[in-house]
Amino acid sequence: MKDILRKAKLGLTEAAFAAGAALTRKNEVNPMQADKTKGRVYEFEMNTIDGKPAKLSKYKGHPLLIVNTASLCGFTPQYTDLEALYKKYKDKGLRIAAFPANEFGAQEPGTDADIKSFCMTKFALSFDLYSKISVKGPSIHPLYKYLTTESGFNGDIPWNFSKYLVDKEGTVVARFGPEANPVGKEITSKIEALLA
């Protein structure tokens, strides 16, 4: 009963919850796939939360955690953990890119200005925040189309705060579900390995 109430509070459907749990378990890179996808993340250009174009190639040489986010989600408090993760590892090279999206429970209804104000006021974020995009469905952004169909960690995004870890050469090396704690050992151990 406790687990059911927790899922309901987070706004997860049973299918999304199961998919997120499965993704958390599937976080090993296939070496053959890695060769095919090396550097592909760097081909994309996104808009920052202020509407300025930014090439993802700026992350070359840095491990990168890509996260789809939302302001009204049960997982929104992960912004605190993401900021703590960034502060802990940024001087060693870690970068974080957050992409707000409104596909799950309409939990990111605001404009980019609303999202920026919320994130800066409530969480004082210092990592990179981008313009709201679609991460699923017919209007999926090309970055997420790549991540979910060609990165080697294929499958639809199940919910807000799903995470992809990219190595210093632009290869996706792990995928984590929404419930994966950004400062938990499962994620930090992989980040530390990339930073070593």
N, C-alpha and C. Protein backbone atom coordinates (compact mmCIF):
# COMPACT_ATOMS: atom_id res chain seq x y z
N MET A 1 0.82 -1.20 0.00
CA MET A 1 0.00 0.00 0.00
C MET A 1 0.87 1.27 0.00
N LYS A 2 1.93 1.24 0.79
CA LYS A 2 2.83 2.39 0.86
C LYS A 2 3.43 2.70 -0.51
N ASP A 3 3.83 1.63 -1.25
CA ASP A 3 4.41 1.80 -2.58
C ASP A 3 3.40 2.39 -3.55
N ILE A 4 2.15 1.95 -3.47
CA ILE A 4 1.09 2.47 -4.34
C ILE A 4 0.86 3.95 -4.08
N LEU A 5 0.83 4.34 -2.81
CA LEU A 5 0.65 5.76 -2.46
C LEU A 5 1.82 6.60 -2.95
N ARG A 6 3.03 6.07 -2.85
CA ARG A 6 4.22 6.80 -3.32
C ARG A 6 4.14 7.01 -4.82
N LYS A 7 3.76 5.98 -5.56
CA LYS A 7 3.64 6.09 -7.01
C LYS A 7 2.57 7.12 -7.38
N ALA A 8 1.45 7.07 -6.67
CA ALA A 8 0.36 8.02 -6.95
C ALA A 8 0.82 9.45 -6.69
N LYS A 9 1.55 9.67 -5.62
CA LYS A 9 2.06 11.00 -5.30
C LYS A 9 2.99 11.52 -6.40
N LEU A 10 3.80 10.64 -6.95
CA LEU A 10 4.73 11.04 -8.00
C LEU A 10 4.02 11.25 -9.34
N GLY A 11 2.79 10.74 -9.45
CA GLY A 11 2.05 10.90 -10.70
C GLY A 11 2.39 9.84 -11.73
N LEU A 12 3.00 8.76 -11.31
CA LEU A 12 3.41 7.72 -12.24
C LEU A 12 2.29 6.73 -12.50
N THR A 13 2.12 6.35 -13.75
CA THR A 13 1.25 5.23 -14.06
C THR A 13 2.05 3.97 -13.76
N GLU A 14 1.35 2.85 -13.62
CA GLU A 14 2.05 1.58 -13.37
C GLU A 14 3.05 1.28 -14.49
N ALA A 15 2.62 1.55 -15.74
CA ALA A 15 3.50 1.27 -16.88
C ALA A 15 4.75 2.13 -16.84
N ALA A 16 4.57 3.43 -16.53
CA ALA A 16 5.73 4.33 -16.47
C ALA A 16 6.66 3.93 -15.33
N PHE A 17 6.07 3.55 -14.20
CA PHE A 17 6.88 3.13 -13.06
C PHE A 17 7.71 1.90 -13.42
N ALA A 18 7.07 0.92 -14.06
CA ALA A 18 7.77 -0.30 -14.45
C ALA A 18 8.86 -0.01 -15.48
N ALA A 19 8.53 0.86 -16.44
CA ALA A 19 9.52 1.21 -17.48
C ALA A 19 10.72 1.92 -16.86
N GLY A 20 10.47 2.83 -15.93
CA GLY A 20 11.56 3.55 -15.26
C GLY A 20 12.45 2.60 -14.49
N ALA A 21 11.83 1.65 -13.79
CA ALA A 21 12.61 0.67 -13.03
C ALA A 21 13.45 -0.19 -13.97
N ALA A 22 12.89 -0.57 -15.12
CA ALA A 22 13.64 -1.37 -16.08
C ALA A 22 14.81 -0.59 -16.64
N LEU A 23 14.62 0.71 -16.89
CA LEU A 23 15.71 1.53 -17.42
C LEU A 23 16.84 1.67 -16.41
N THR A 24 16.48 1.76 -15.15
CA THR A 24 17.50 1.88 -14.12
C THR A 24 18.38 0.64 -14.11
N ARG A 25 17.78 -0.50 -14.42
CA ARG A 25 18.57 -1.73 -14.46
C ARG A 25 19.39 -1.85 -15.74
N LYS A 26 18.89 -1.26 -16.83
CA LYS A 26 19.57 -1.37 -18.14
C LYS A 26 20.49 -0.18 -18.32
N ASN A 27 21.64 -0.21 -17.72
CA ASN A 27 22.51 0.96 -17.84
C ASN A 27 23.96 0.60 -18.16
N GLU A 28 24.10 -0.41 -19.00
CA GLU A 28 25.43 -0.76 -19.47
C GLU A 28 25.51 -0.50 -20.97
N VAL A 29 26.64 0.00 -21.42
CA VAL A 29 26.80 0.31 -22.85
C VAL A 29 27.29 -0.92 -23.60
N ASN A 30 26.76 -1.09 -24.81
CA ASN A 30 27.21 -2.14 -25.72
C ASN A 30 28.42 -1.58 -26.47
N PRO A 31 29.62 -2.19 -26.36
CA PRO A 31 30.82 -1.63 -27.01
C PRO A 31 30.67 -1.42 -28.51
N MET A 32 29.97 -2.32 -29.20
CA MET A 32 29.79 -2.17 -30.65
C MET A 32 28.90 -0.96 -30.95
N GLN A 33 27.87 -0.78 -30.14
CA GLN A 33 26.97 0.37 -30.32
C GLN A 33 27.73 1.66 -30.02
N ALA A 34 28.61 1.63 -29.03
CA ALA A 34 29.36 2.83 -28.65
C ALA A 34 30.17 3.37 -29.81
N ASP A 35 30.78 2.49 -30.59
CA ASP A 35 31.56 2.93 -31.75
C ASP A 35 30.70 3.66 -32.77
N LYS A 36 29.46 3.20 -32.94
CA LYS A 36 28.56 3.80 -33.92
C LYS A 36 28.01 5.15 -33.46
N THR A 37 27.94 5.35 -32.16
CA THR A 37 27.28 6.55 -31.63
C THR A 37 28.24 7.60 -31.08
N LYS A 38 29.52 7.30 -31.11
CA LYS A 38 30.52 8.22 -30.57
C LYS A 38 30.37 9.62 -31.18
N GLY A 39 30.21 10.61 -30.33
CA GLY A 39 30.14 12.00 -30.77
C GLY A 39 28.81 12.46 -31.33
N ARG A 40 27.84 11.57 -31.47
CA ARG A 40 26.56 11.94 -32.09
C ARG A 40 25.82 13.02 -31.30
N VAL A 41 25.91 12.99 -29.99
CA VAL A 41 25.23 13.99 -29.16
C VAL A 41 25.69 15.39 -29.54
N TYR A 42 26.94 15.52 -29.97
CA TYR A 42 27.50 16.83 -30.29
C TYR A 42 26.95 17.43 -31.59
N GLU A 43 26.20 16.66 -32.34
CA GLU A 43 25.64 17.16 -33.60
C GLU A 43 24.44 18.07 -33.41
N PHE A 44 23.89 18.11 -32.20
CA PHE A 44 22.64 18.83 -31.97
C PHE A 44 22.88 20.25 -31.46
N GLU A 45 22.02 21.14 -31.90
CA GLU A 45 22.00 22.52 -31.40
C GLU A 45 20.67 22.74 -30.72
N MET A 46 20.71 23.27 -29.52
CA MET A 46 19.50 23.50 -28.73
C MET A 46 19.38 24.99 -28.43
N ASN A 47 18.24 25.39 -27.89
CA ASN A 47 18.09 26.75 -27.39
C ASN A 47 18.18 26.74 -25.88
N THR A 48 18.94 27.67 -25.33
CA THR A 48 19.02 27.79 -23.87
C THR A 48 17.67 28.29 -23.35
N ILE A 49 17.51 28.29 -22.05
CA ILE A 49 16.27 28.77 -21.44
C ILE A 49 16.02 30.24 -21.78
N ASP A 50 17.07 30.96 -22.18
CA ASP A 50 16.94 32.36 -22.59
C ASP A 50 16.75 32.50 -24.10
N GLY A 51 16.61 31.38 -24.81
CA GLY A 51 16.34 31.42 -26.24
C GLY A 51 17.55 31.59 -27.13
N LYS A 52 18.74 31.43 -26.56
CA LYS A 52 19.97 31.58 -27.37
C LYS A 52 20.42 30.21 -27.86
N PRO A 53 20.84 30.11 -29.14
CA PRO A 53 21.31 28.82 -29.65
C PRO A 53 22.60 28.38 -28.96
N ALA A 54 22.68 27.09 -28.69
CA ALA A 54 23.87 26.52 -28.05
C ALA A 54 24.13 25.14 -28.63
N LYS A 55 25.33 24.95 -29.16
CA LYS A 55 25.70 23.65 -29.72
C LYS A 55 26.14 22.72 -28.58
N LEU A 56 25.65 21.50 -28.62
CA LEU A 56 26.03 20.55 -27.59
C LEU A 56 27.49 20.13 -27.71
N SER A 57 28.13 20.52 -28.80
CA SER A 57 29.57 20.24 -28.94
C SER A 57 30.38 20.98 -27.88
N LYS A 58 29.75 21.95 -27.21
CA LYS A 58 30.47 22.65 -26.13
C LYS A 58 30.80 21.71 -24.97
N TYR A 59 30.17 20.54 -24.96
CA TYR A 59 30.43 19.57 -23.89
C TYR A 59 31.54 18.58 -24.23
N LYS A 60 32.17 18.72 -25.38
CA LYS A 60 33.27 17.83 -25.73
C LYS A 60 34.32 17.86 -24.62
N GLY A 61 34.78 16.66 -24.24
CA GLY A 61 35.80 16.57 -23.20
C GLY A 61 35.24 16.54 -21.80
N HIS A 62 33.91 16.56 -21.67
CA HIS A 62 33.26 16.56 -20.35
C HIS A 62 32.22 15.45 -20.28
N PRO A 63 32.16 14.70 -19.18
CA PRO A 63 31.01 13.83 -18.97
C PRO A 63 29.76 14.72 -18.85
N LEU A 64 28.64 14.24 -19.37
CA LEU A 64 27.42 15.04 -19.42
C LEU A 64 26.24 14.19 -18.96
N LEU A 65 25.44 14.74 -18.05
CA LEU A 65 24.20 14.10 -17.63
C LEU A 65 23.05 14.89 -18.26
N ILE A 66 22.26 14.22 -19.09
CA ILE A 66 21.11 14.82 -19.75
C ILE A 66 19.85 14.37 -19.01
N VAL A 67 19.00 15.34 -18.64
CA VAL A 67 17.81 15.03 -17.85
C VAL A 67 16.61 15.78 -18.42
N ASN A 68 15.48 15.08 -18.58
CA ASN A 68 14.24 15.78 -18.92
C ASN A 68 13.53 16.12 -17.61
N THR A 69 13.13 17.37 -17.46
CA THR A 69 12.66 17.87 -16.17
C THR A 69 11.24 18.44 -16.26
N ALA A 70 10.66 18.70 -15.09
CA ALA A 70 9.34 19.33 -14.99
C ALA A 70 9.22 19.99 -13.63
N SER A 71 8.48 21.08 -13.58
CA SER A 71 8.38 21.88 -12.35
C SER A 71 7.34 21.38 -11.35
N LEU A 72 6.36 20.60 -11.81
CA LEU A 72 5.24 20.20 -10.94
C LEU A 72 5.18 18.70 -10.71
N CYS A 73 6.29 18.04 -10.79
CA CYS A 73 6.37 16.58 -10.70
C CYS A 73 6.77 16.16 -9.28
N GLY A 74 6.39 14.95 -8.92
CA GLY A 74 6.84 14.41 -7.65
C GLY A 74 8.35 14.26 -7.58
N PHE A 75 9.00 14.21 -8.74
CA PHE A 75 10.45 14.11 -8.80
C PHE A 75 11.14 15.47 -8.86
N THR A 76 10.38 16.56 -8.92
CA THR A 76 10.98 17.90 -9.04
C THR A 76 12.02 18.18 -7.96
N PRO A 77 11.86 17.68 -6.73
CA PRO A 77 12.92 17.89 -5.74
C PRO A 77 14.29 17.35 -6.16
N GLN A 78 14.34 16.51 -7.20
CA GLN A 78 15.64 16.06 -7.70
C GLN A 78 16.49 17.21 -8.22
N TYR A 79 15.86 18.35 -8.51
CA TYR A 79 16.66 19.52 -8.89
C TYR A 79 17.71 19.81 -7.80
N THR A 80 17.32 19.64 -6.53
CA THR A 80 18.26 19.87 -5.42
C THR A 80 19.44 18.92 -5.52
N ASP A 81 19.15 17.65 -5.79
CA ASP A 81 20.21 16.65 -5.90
C ASP A 81 21.07 16.87 -7.15
N LEU A 82 20.43 17.27 -8.24
CA LEU A 82 21.20 17.56 -9.46
C LEU A 82 22.16 18.71 -9.23
N GLU A 83 21.70 19.74 -8.52
CA GLU A 83 22.57 20.87 -8.23
C GLU A 83 23.72 20.44 -7.31
N ALA A 84 23.41 19.60 -6.31
CA ALA A 84 24.47 19.10 -5.42
C ALA A 84 25.47 18.25 -6.20
N LEU A 85 24.98 17.42 -7.12
CA LEU A 85 25.85 16.60 -7.96
C LEU A 85 26.76 17.49 -8.80
N TYR A 86 26.18 18.52 -9.39
CA TYR A 86 26.94 19.43 -10.24
C TYR A 86 28.02 20.15 -9.43
N LYS A 87 27.66 20.66 -8.27
CA LYS A 87 28.64 21.37 -7.43
C LYS A 87 29.77 20.45 -6.99
N LYS A 88 29.44 19.19 -6.73
CA LYS A 88 30.46 18.25 -6.27
C LYS A 88 31.47 17.92 -7.36
N TYR A 89 31.00 17.80 -8.62
CA TYR A 89 31.86 17.30 -9.68
C TYR A 89 32.17 18.31 -10.80
N LYS A 90 31.63 19.50 -10.74
CA LYS A 90 31.84 20.42 -11.88
C LYS A 90 33.31 20.80 -12.06
N ASP A 91 34.06 20.97 -10.97
CA ASP A 91 35.48 21.34 -11.11
C ASP A 91 36.31 20.20 -11.69
N LYS A 92 35.76 18.97 -11.62
CA LYS A 92 36.44 17.82 -12.23
C LYS A 92 35.98 17.61 -13.67
N GLY A 93 34.94 18.36 -14.09
CA GLY A 93 34.54 18.31 -15.49
C GLY A 93 33.10 17.94 -15.78
N LEU A 94 32.33 17.49 -14.79
CA LEU A 94 30.94 17.10 -15.07
C LEU A 94 30.11 18.30 -15.52
N ARG A 95 29.24 18.05 -16.50
CA ARG A 95 28.26 19.03 -16.94
C ARG A 95 26.88 18.38 -16.88
N ILE A 96 25.86 19.20 -16.64
CA ILE A 96 24.47 18.74 -16.61
C ILE A 96 23.66 19.62 -17.54
N ALA A 97 22.80 18.98 -18.33
CA ALA A 97 21.91 19.70 -19.24
C ALA A 97 20.49 19.26 -18.95
N ALA A 98 19.65 20.21 -18.51
CA ALA A 98 18.25 19.92 -18.17
C ALA A 98 17.34 20.43 -19.28
N PHE A 99 16.43 19.55 -19.70
CA PHE A 99 15.50 19.87 -20.78
C PHE A 99 14.07 19.75 -20.27
N PRO A 100 13.44 20.88 -19.90
CA PRO A 100 12.05 20.83 -19.45
C PRO A 100 11.14 20.28 -20.55
N ALA A 101 10.14 19.51 -20.13
CA ALA A 101 9.20 18.91 -21.08
C ALA A 101 7.84 18.76 -20.40
N ASN A 102 6.79 18.79 -21.20
CA ASN A 102 5.43 18.79 -20.66
C ASN A 102 4.64 17.54 -21.07
N GLU A 103 5.33 16.46 -21.43
CA GLU A 103 4.62 15.28 -21.93
C GLU A 103 3.98 14.41 -20.85
N PHE A 104 4.39 14.56 -19.62
CA PHE A 104 3.95 13.63 -18.59
C PHE A 104 3.10 14.35 -17.54
N GLY A 105 1.81 14.10 -17.58
CA GLY A 105 0.90 14.70 -16.62
C GLY A 105 0.81 16.21 -16.73
N ALA A 106 1.20 16.78 -17.85
CA ALA A 106 1.18 18.24 -18.05
C ALA A 106 1.83 18.94 -16.85
N GLN A 107 2.99 18.42 -16.44
CA GLN A 107 3.66 18.91 -15.23
C GLN A 107 4.69 20.01 -15.50
N GLU A 108 4.75 20.47 -16.76
CA GLU A 108 5.61 21.62 -17.09
C GLU A 108 4.83 22.54 -18.04
N PRO A 109 3.75 23.17 -17.52
CA PRO A 109 2.87 23.96 -18.39
C PRO A 109 3.37 25.36 -18.70
N GLY A 110 4.33 25.86 -17.96
CA GLY A 110 4.74 27.26 -18.08
C GLY A 110 5.60 27.56 -19.29
N THR A 111 5.85 28.85 -19.47
CA THR A 111 6.76 29.33 -20.51
C THR A 111 8.20 29.14 -20.05
N ASP A 112 9.14 29.36 -20.96
CA ASP A 112 10.55 29.29 -20.58
C ASP A 112 10.86 30.28 -19.45
N ALA A 113 10.27 31.47 -19.53
CA ALA A 113 10.50 32.48 -18.48
C ALA A 113 9.98 31.98 -17.14
N ASP A 114 8.80 31.34 -17.14
CA ASP A 114 8.24 30.78 -15.91
C ASP A 114 9.15 29.70 -15.34
N ILE A 115 9.63 28.83 -16.23
CA ILE A 115 10.49 27.72 -15.80
C ILE A 115 11.80 28.25 -15.21
N LYS A 116 12.39 29.21 -15.89
CA LYS A 116 13.65 29.79 -15.40
C LYS A 116 13.44 30.42 -14.03
N SER A 117 12.38 31.20 -13.89
CA SER A 117 12.10 31.87 -12.61
C SER A 117 11.92 30.83 -11.50
N PHE A 118 11.16 29.79 -11.76
CA PHE A 118 10.93 28.74 -10.78
C PHE A 118 12.24 28.06 -10.38
N CYS A 119 13.03 27.68 -11.37
CA CYS A 119 14.27 26.95 -11.10
C CYS A 119 15.30 27.80 -10.36
N MET A 120 15.38 29.07 -10.71
CA MET A 120 16.37 29.93 -10.07
C MET A 120 15.92 30.35 -8.67
N THR A 121 14.62 30.62 -8.52
CA THR A 121 14.11 31.06 -7.22
C THR A 121 14.08 29.93 -6.20
N LYS A 122 13.57 28.78 -6.64
CA LYS A 122 13.38 27.67 -5.69
C LYS A 122 14.63 26.81 -5.51
N PHE A 123 15.45 26.67 -6.57
CA PHE A 123 16.57 25.73 -6.51
C PHE A 123 17.94 26.38 -6.76
N ALA A 124 17.98 27.62 -7.19
CA ALA A 124 19.24 28.33 -7.47
C ALA A 124 20.15 27.49 -8.36
N LEU A 125 19.60 27.00 -9.46
CA LEU A 125 20.38 26.13 -10.34
C LEU A 125 21.54 26.87 -10.98
N SER A 126 22.66 26.18 -11.10
CA SER A 126 23.82 26.77 -11.78
C SER A 126 24.26 25.94 -12.99
N PHE A 127 23.64 24.77 -13.20
CA PHE A 127 23.95 23.98 -14.39
C PHE A 127 23.07 24.45 -15.54
N ASP A 128 23.30 23.90 -16.73
CA ASP A 128 22.64 24.40 -17.94
C ASP A 128 21.17 23.98 -18.02
N LEU A 129 20.32 24.98 -18.22
CA LEU A 129 18.89 24.78 -18.37
C LEU A 129 18.50 25.24 -19.77
N TYR A 130 17.78 24.38 -20.47
CA TYR A 130 17.43 24.65 -21.86
C TYR A 130 15.94 24.96 -22.02
N SER A 131 15.60 25.44 -23.20
CA SER A 131 14.22 25.74 -23.55
C SER A 131 13.38 24.46 -23.53
N LYS A 132 12.11 24.62 -23.21
CA LYS A 132 11.19 23.49 -23.16
C LYS A 132 11.09 22.82 -24.53
N ILE A 133 11.15 21.50 -24.53
CA ILE A 133 11.06 20.72 -25.77
C ILE A 133 10.10 19.55 -25.55
N SER A 134 9.82 18.83 -26.62
CA SER A 134 9.08 17.57 -26.53
C SER A 134 10.08 16.43 -26.49
N VAL A 135 9.88 15.51 -25.56
CA VAL A 135 10.79 14.37 -25.44
C VAL A 135 10.12 13.06 -25.83
N LYS A 136 8.88 13.17 -26.31
CA LYS A 136 8.11 11.98 -26.66
C LYS A 136 6.99 12.39 -27.61
N GLY A 137 6.55 11.46 -28.43
CA GLY A 137 5.39 11.72 -29.28
C GLY A 137 5.76 12.29 -30.64
N PRO A 138 4.75 12.74 -31.40
CA PRO A 138 4.97 13.16 -32.78
C PRO A 138 5.85 14.39 -32.93
N SER A 139 5.91 15.25 -31.92
CA SER A 139 6.75 16.46 -32.01
C SER A 139 8.07 16.31 -31.25
N ILE A 140 8.49 15.08 -31.02
CA ILE A 140 9.74 14.82 -30.28
C ILE A 140 10.90 15.59 -30.90
N HIS A 141 11.71 16.21 -30.05
CA HIS A 141 12.88 16.94 -30.52
C HIS A 141 13.90 15.94 -31.09
N PRO A 142 14.64 16.33 -32.15
CA PRO A 142 15.63 15.41 -32.74
C PRO A 142 16.64 14.84 -31.73
N LEU A 143 17.04 15.61 -30.72
CA LEU A 143 17.96 15.07 -29.72
C LEU A 143 17.34 13.87 -29.03
N TYR A 144 16.10 14.01 -28.59
CA TYR A 144 15.45 12.90 -27.89
C TYR A 144 15.04 11.77 -28.83
N LYS A 145 14.79 12.09 -30.08
CA LYS A 145 14.56 11.04 -31.08
C LYS A 145 15.82 10.18 -31.18
N TYR A 146 16.98 10.83 -31.22
CA TYR A 146 18.24 10.10 -31.25
C TYR A 146 18.43 9.28 -29.97
N LEU A 147 18.25 9.92 -28.82
CA LEU A 147 18.48 9.24 -27.54
C LEU A 147 17.59 8.01 -27.38
N THR A 148 16.34 8.12 -27.83
CA THR A 148 15.39 7.03 -27.60
C THR A 148 15.35 5.99 -28.71
N THR A 149 16.02 6.24 -29.84
CA THR A 149 15.96 5.27 -30.94
C THR A 149 17.32 4.83 -31.48
N GLU A 150 18.38 5.61 -31.22
CA GLU A 150 19.67 5.26 -31.84
C GLU A 150 20.85 5.26 -30.88
N SER A 151 20.67 5.64 -29.65
CA SER A 151 21.80 5.79 -28.74
C SER A 151 22.33 4.49 -28.18
N GLY A 152 21.56 3.40 -28.38
CA GLY A 152 21.92 2.13 -27.76
C GLY A 152 21.16 1.92 -26.46
N PHE A 153 20.46 2.95 -26.01
CA PHE A 153 19.60 2.88 -24.82
C PHE A 153 18.19 3.27 -25.25
N ASN A 154 17.69 2.51 -26.21
CA ASN A 154 16.46 2.85 -26.90
C ASN A 154 15.23 2.56 -26.04
N GLY A 155 14.16 3.25 -26.40
CA GLY A 155 12.89 3.11 -25.69
C GLY A 155 12.39 4.46 -25.26
N ASP A 156 11.07 4.62 -25.29
CA ASP A 156 10.47 5.90 -24.92
C ASP A 156 10.87 6.35 -23.52
N ILE A 157 10.90 7.66 -23.34
CA ILE A 157 11.07 8.23 -22.00
C ILE A 157 9.81 7.89 -21.21
N PRO A 158 9.93 7.27 -20.03
CA PRO A 158 8.73 6.88 -19.29
C PRO A 158 8.11 8.00 -18.45
N TRP A 159 8.95 8.97 -18.03
CA TRP A 159 8.43 10.02 -17.14
C TRP A 159 9.50 11.11 -17.01
N ASN A 160 9.14 12.16 -16.29
CA ASN A 160 10.08 13.24 -16.01
C ASN A 160 11.28 12.72 -15.22
N PHE A 161 12.40 13.38 -15.38
CA PHE A 161 13.65 13.12 -14.66
C PHE A 161 14.27 11.77 -15.03
N SER A 162 14.07 11.35 -16.28
CA SER A 162 14.86 10.24 -16.83
C SER A 162 16.23 10.81 -17.17
N LYS A 163 17.26 9.97 -17.12
CA LYS A 163 18.63 10.49 -17.22
C LYS A 163 19.48 9.67 -18.19
N TYR A 164 20.28 10.38 -18.97
CA TYR A 164 21.28 9.76 -19.85
C TYR A 164 22.65 10.27 -19.44
N LEU A 165 23.62 9.36 -19.34
CA LEU A 165 24.99 9.76 -19.04
C LEU A 165 25.82 9.59 -20.30
N VAL A 166 26.54 10.66 -20.66
CA VAL A 166 27.34 10.72 -21.87
C VAL A 166 28.81 10.87 -21.47
N ASP A 167 29.69 10.13 -22.13
CA ASP A 167 31.11 10.22 -21.77
C ASP A 167 31.78 11.43 -22.43
N LYS A 168 33.08 11.56 -22.21
CA LYS A 168 33.83 12.73 -22.70
C LYS A 168 33.92 12.79 -24.22
N GLU A 169 33.60 11.68 -24.89
CA GLU A 169 33.68 11.64 -26.36
C GLU A 169 32.31 11.69 -27.02
N GLY A 170 31.27 11.93 -26.21
CA GLY A 170 29.94 12.07 -26.77
C GLY A 170 29.18 10.78 -27.00
N THR A 171 29.57 9.72 -26.31
CA THR A 171 28.87 8.44 -26.41
C THR A 171 27.97 8.28 -25.19
N VAL A 172 26.71 7.93 -25.41
CA VAL A 172 25.81 7.63 -24.30
C VAL A 172 26.27 6.31 -23.69
N VAL A 173 26.57 6.33 -22.40
CA VAL A 173 27.12 5.13 -21.75
C VAL A 173 26.20 4.54 -20.69
N ALA A 174 25.14 5.26 -20.32
CA ALA A 174 24.20 4.74 -19.32
C ALA A 174 22.89 5.50 -19.41
N ARG A 175 21.83 4.82 -19.02
CA ARG A 175 20.51 5.44 -18.94
C ARG A 175 19.89 5.05 -17.62
N PHE A 176 19.27 6.00 -16.95
CA PHE A 176 18.66 5.77 -15.65
C PHE A 176 17.22 6.24 -15.66
N GLY A 177 16.37 5.53 -14.97
CA GLY A 177 14.97 5.90 -14.88
C GLY A 177 14.74 7.08 -13.96
N PRO A 178 13.50 7.57 -13.92
CA PRO A 178 13.17 8.74 -13.09
C PRO A 178 13.50 8.58 -11.61
N GLU A 179 13.37 7.38 -11.10
CA GLU A 179 13.58 7.18 -9.66
C GLU A 179 15.05 7.14 -9.26
N ALA A 180 15.95 7.03 -10.22
CA ALA A 180 17.38 6.97 -9.90
C ALA A 180 17.82 8.28 -9.25
N ASN A 181 18.36 8.18 -8.05
CA ASN A 181 18.78 9.34 -7.29
C ASN A 181 20.06 9.93 -7.90
N PRO A 182 20.03 11.20 -8.31
CA PRO A 182 21.22 11.79 -8.93
C PRO A 182 22.49 11.72 -8.08
N VAL A 183 22.34 11.72 -6.76
CA VAL A 183 23.52 11.64 -5.90
C VAL A 183 23.71 10.24 -5.31
N GLY A 184 22.93 9.28 -5.81
CA GLY A 184 23.06 7.90 -5.36
C GLY A 184 24.28 7.23 -5.97
N LYS A 185 24.70 6.15 -5.36
CA LYS A 185 25.91 5.43 -5.78
C LYS A 185 25.82 4.93 -7.21
N GLU A 186 24.62 4.53 -7.64
CA GLU A 186 24.46 3.98 -8.98
C GLU A 186 24.91 4.97 -10.05
N ILE A 187 24.55 6.24 -9.86
CA ILE A 187 24.92 7.27 -10.83
C ILE A 187 26.31 7.82 -10.54
N THR A 188 26.60 8.14 -9.29
CA THR A 188 27.90 8.77 -8.99
C THR A 188 29.07 7.85 -9.28
N SER A 189 28.90 6.54 -9.13
CA SER A 189 30.01 5.62 -9.42
C SER A 189 30.36 5.66 -10.90
N LYS A 190 29.34 5.78 -11.75
CA LYS A 190 29.60 5.85 -13.20
C LYS A 190 30.22 7.19 -13.58
N ILE A 191 29.77 8.27 -12.93
CA ILE A 191 30.36 9.59 -13.19
C ILE A 191 31.81 9.59 -12.77
N GLU A 192 32.09 9.06 -11.59
CA GLU A 192 33.48 9.04 -11.11
C GLU A 192 34.38 8.23 -12.03
N ALA A 193 33.85 7.13 -12.59
CA ALA A 193 34.64 6.33 -13.53
C ALA A 193 34.97 7.15 -14.79
N LEU A 194 34.01 7.96 -15.25
CA LEU A 194 34.26 8.79 -16.44
C LEU A 194 35.23 9.93 -16.15
N LEU A 195 35.25 10.38 -14.92
CA LEU A 195 36.13 11.49 -14.54
C LEU A 195 37.55 11.04 -14.24
N ALA A 196 37.71 9.73 -13.97
CA ALA A 196 39.03 9.19 -13.56
C ALA A 196 40.06 9.34 -14.68
